[in-house]
Amino acid sequence: MRALLVLVGLLVAASAGAAEPIIGRASVIDGDTIEIAGQRIRLHGIDAPESAQQCQDSRGQSYACGRIAAQKLDELLAASRPTRCMEKDRDRYGRIVATCFRADGKDAGGLMVRGGHALDWPRYSQGAYAAAQEEARAARAGMWQGEFTPPWVWR
């Protein structure tokens, strides 16, 4: 019995150190960054075009893919509020890096990649969104309709 109480105590202590979810109405900063209650949050494992970034559509015409990515993230999050984020890390700017979910449980990063408005960033995701990216590529969705420079190269 004593061993069981010690084990329970260790589990409680371990869970006490776990970060609490950040829950609230998200304001979109750009296609992969939101703010909830004054906290900047970078979506884990994806990279969306920068706000000023341009892409080429299927006709070779330039369009503001970075601005569109931010609009799409705003639409996706507005469709099912509130947003719940689980911190995974901090980036070099001190921002929270988190996986964020809509109220319906759908992963916001996965939805952005599946829609072709962000890329799986394997350097950080370990391929978590690779299947969603392949779906977007096959459907020629979002950026996949034409030519683009990956955001991590464009920067």
Protein backbone atom coordinates (compact mmCIF):
# COMPACT_ATOMS: atom_id res chain seq x y z
CA MET A 1 0.00 0.00 0.00
CA ARG A 2 2.82 2.39 0.88
CA ALA A 3 4.45 1.79 -2.54
CA LEU A 4 1.15 2.66 -4.23
CA LEU A 5 0.89 5.94 -2.27
CA VAL A 6 4.46 6.84 -3.24
CA LEU A 7 3.67 6.13 -6.91
CA VAL A 8 0.52 8.26 -6.79
CA GLY A 9 2.50 11.06 -5.15
CA LEU A 10 5.10 10.94 -7.92
CA LEU A 11 2.42 11.06 -10.61
CA VAL A 12 0.74 14.06 -8.98
CA ALA A 13 4.07 15.86 -8.66
CA ALA A 14 4.93 15.15 -12.31
CA SER A 15 1.58 16.41 -13.56
CA ALA A 16 1.85 19.56 -11.44
CA GLY A 17 4.84 20.61 -13.54
CA ALA A 18 2.95 20.18 -16.80
CA ALA A 19 1.95 23.39 -18.54
CA GLU A 20 -1.70 24.34 -18.32
CA PRO A 21 -3.49 24.79 -21.64
CA ILE A 22 -3.95 28.32 -22.92
CA ILE A 23 -7.60 28.73 -23.83
CA GLY A 24 -9.40 31.72 -25.30
CA ARG A 25 -10.36 33.68 -28.35
CA ALA A 26 -7.39 33.76 -30.70
CA SER A 27 -6.31 36.85 -32.60
CA VAL A 28 -4.35 35.98 -35.73
CA ILE A 29 -0.97 37.66 -36.18
CA ASP A 30 -0.02 35.76 -39.34
CA GLY A 31 -0.55 32.33 -40.86
CA ASP A 32 1.27 30.47 -38.09
CA THR A 33 1.11 32.84 -35.12
CA ILE A 34 -1.80 33.75 -32.87
CA GLU A 35 -2.32 35.63 -29.65
CA ILE A 36 -4.55 34.54 -26.77
CA ALA A 37 -4.95 36.76 -23.71
CA GLY A 38 -1.81 38.72 -24.58
CA GLN A 39 0.36 35.64 -25.13
CA ARG A 40 1.99 35.17 -28.56
CA ILE A 41 1.80 31.57 -29.71
CA ARG A 42 3.63 30.05 -32.69
CA LEU A 43 1.88 26.98 -34.12
CA HIS A 44 4.15 23.98 -33.69
CA GLY A 45 5.45 22.06 -36.70
CA ILE A 46 4.15 24.27 -39.50
CA ASP A 47 5.44 27.26 -41.41
CA ALA A 48 3.12 29.61 -43.28
CA PRO A 49 4.13 32.26 -45.80
CA GLU A 50 5.24 35.54 -44.27
CA SER A 51 2.76 38.43 -44.37
CA ALA A 52 4.60 40.16 -47.22
CA GLN A 53 5.33 36.95 -49.13
CA GLN A 54 4.03 36.51 -52.68
CA CYS A 55 3.34 33.23 -54.49
CA GLN A 56 2.45 32.41 -58.10
CA ASP A 57 -0.98 31.02 -58.99
CA SER A 58 -1.65 28.40 -61.67
CA ARG A 59 -1.50 31.12 -64.38
CA GLY A 60 1.83 32.46 -63.11
CA GLN A 61 0.22 35.55 -61.58
CA SER A 62 1.60 36.84 -58.29
CA TYR A 63 -0.73 36.86 -55.27
CA ALA A 64 -0.38 37.67 -51.58
CA CYS A 65 -0.19 34.13 -50.20
CA GLY A 66 1.07 35.36 -46.81
CA ARG A 67 -1.93 37.63 -46.31
CA ILE A 68 -4.28 34.89 -47.50
CA ALA A 69 -2.73 32.39 -45.05
CA ALA A 70 -3.46 34.76 -42.16
CA GLN A 71 -7.05 35.21 -43.37
CA LYS A 72 -7.54 31.43 -43.65
CA LEU A 73 -6.22 30.83 -40.13
CA ASP A 74 -8.60 33.49 -38.84
CA GLU A 75 -11.54 31.84 -40.64
CA LEU A 76 -10.59 28.36 -39.40
CA LEU A 77 -10.33 29.46 -35.77
CA ALA A 78 -13.50 31.61 -35.92
CA ALA A 79 -15.48 28.56 -37.11
CA SER A 80 -15.05 26.77 -33.75
CA ARG A 81 -14.15 28.81 -30.66
CA PRO A 82 -12.44 28.93 -28.23
CA THR A 83 -8.93 27.87 -29.22
CA ARG A 84 -6.97 25.62 -26.85
CA CYS A 85 -3.17 25.50 -27.07
CA MET A 86 -0.79 23.06 -25.44
CA GLU A 87 2.71 24.46 -25.04
CA LYS A 88 5.52 22.30 -26.43
CA ASP A 89 8.46 24.69 -26.33
CA ARG A 90 9.66 28.30 -26.58
CA ASP A 91 11.26 29.72 -29.71
CA ARG A 92 14.36 31.92 -29.87
CA TYR A 93 12.15 35.01 -29.50
CA GLY A 94 10.59 33.67 -26.30
CA ARG A 95 7.24 32.95 -27.93
CA ILE A 96 5.28 29.93 -26.85
CA VAL A 97 5.37 27.15 -29.44
CA ALA A 98 2.22 25.07 -29.12
CA THR A 99 -0.15 22.68 -30.80
CA CYS A 100 -3.51 24.46 -30.93
CA PHE A 101 -6.96 23.00 -31.32
CA ARG A 102 -10.32 24.46 -32.19
CA ALA A 103 -13.28 23.83 -29.85
CA ASP A 104 -14.28 20.91 -32.09
CA GLY A 105 -10.90 19.26 -31.40
CA LYS A 106 -9.39 19.82 -34.86
CA ASP A 107 -5.69 20.71 -34.96
CA ALA A 108 -5.34 24.23 -36.40
CA GLY A 109 -1.87 23.48 -37.82
CA GLY A 110 -3.12 20.37 -39.58
CA LEU A 111 -6.05 22.29 -41.08
CA MET A 112 -3.70 24.98 -42.38
CA VAL A 113 -1.38 22.43 -44.00
CA ARG A 114 -4.28 20.39 -45.43
CA GLY A 115 -5.71 23.57 -46.98
CA GLY A 116 -2.36 24.38 -48.61
CA HIS A 117 -1.89 27.60 -46.61
CA ALA A 118 1.09 26.34 -44.57
CA LEU A 119 3.77 23.68 -44.93
CA ASP A 120 4.76 20.80 -42.71
CA TRP A 121 8.08 21.93 -41.21
CA PRO A 122 9.85 18.58 -40.77
CA ARG A 123 12.75 20.21 -38.92
CA TYR A 124 10.33 20.70 -36.01
CA SER A 125 7.33 18.46 -36.74
CA GLN A 126 9.17 15.20 -37.39
CA GLY A 127 6.71 14.80 -40.29
CA ALA A 128 3.55 15.15 -38.18
CA TYR A 129 1.80 17.01 -41.01
CA ALA A 130 3.43 15.22 -43.97
CA ALA A 131 0.25 13.32 -44.90
CA ALA A 132 -1.84 16.51 -44.73
CA GLN A 133 0.72 18.24 -46.95
CA GLU A 134 0.58 15.42 -49.47
CA GLU A 135 -3.23 15.77 -49.57
CA ALA A 136 -2.89 19.51 -50.24
CA ARG A 137 -0.28 18.92 -52.94
CA ALA A 138 -2.40 16.27 -54.68
CA ALA A 139 -5.46 18.55 -54.59
CA ARG A 140 -3.39 21.55 -55.73
CA ALA A 141 -4.86 23.42 -52.76
CA GLY A 142 -3.69 26.85 -51.63
CA MET A 143 -0.03 27.45 -52.44
CA TRP A 144 0.15 24.12 -54.28
CA GLN A 145 -1.89 25.59 -57.15
CA GLY A 146 1.27 27.20 -58.52
CA GLU A 147 4.81 28.11 -57.52
CA PHE A 148 6.06 29.28 -54.13
CA THR A 149 9.19 29.56 -52.06
CA PRO A 150 9.03 27.72 -48.72
CA PRO A 151 8.71 30.35 -45.98
CA TRP A 152 11.89 29.17 -44.20
CA VAL A 153 13.80 29.84 -47.44
CA TRP A 154 11.98 33.10 -48.25
CA ARG A 155 12.94 34.60 -44.87
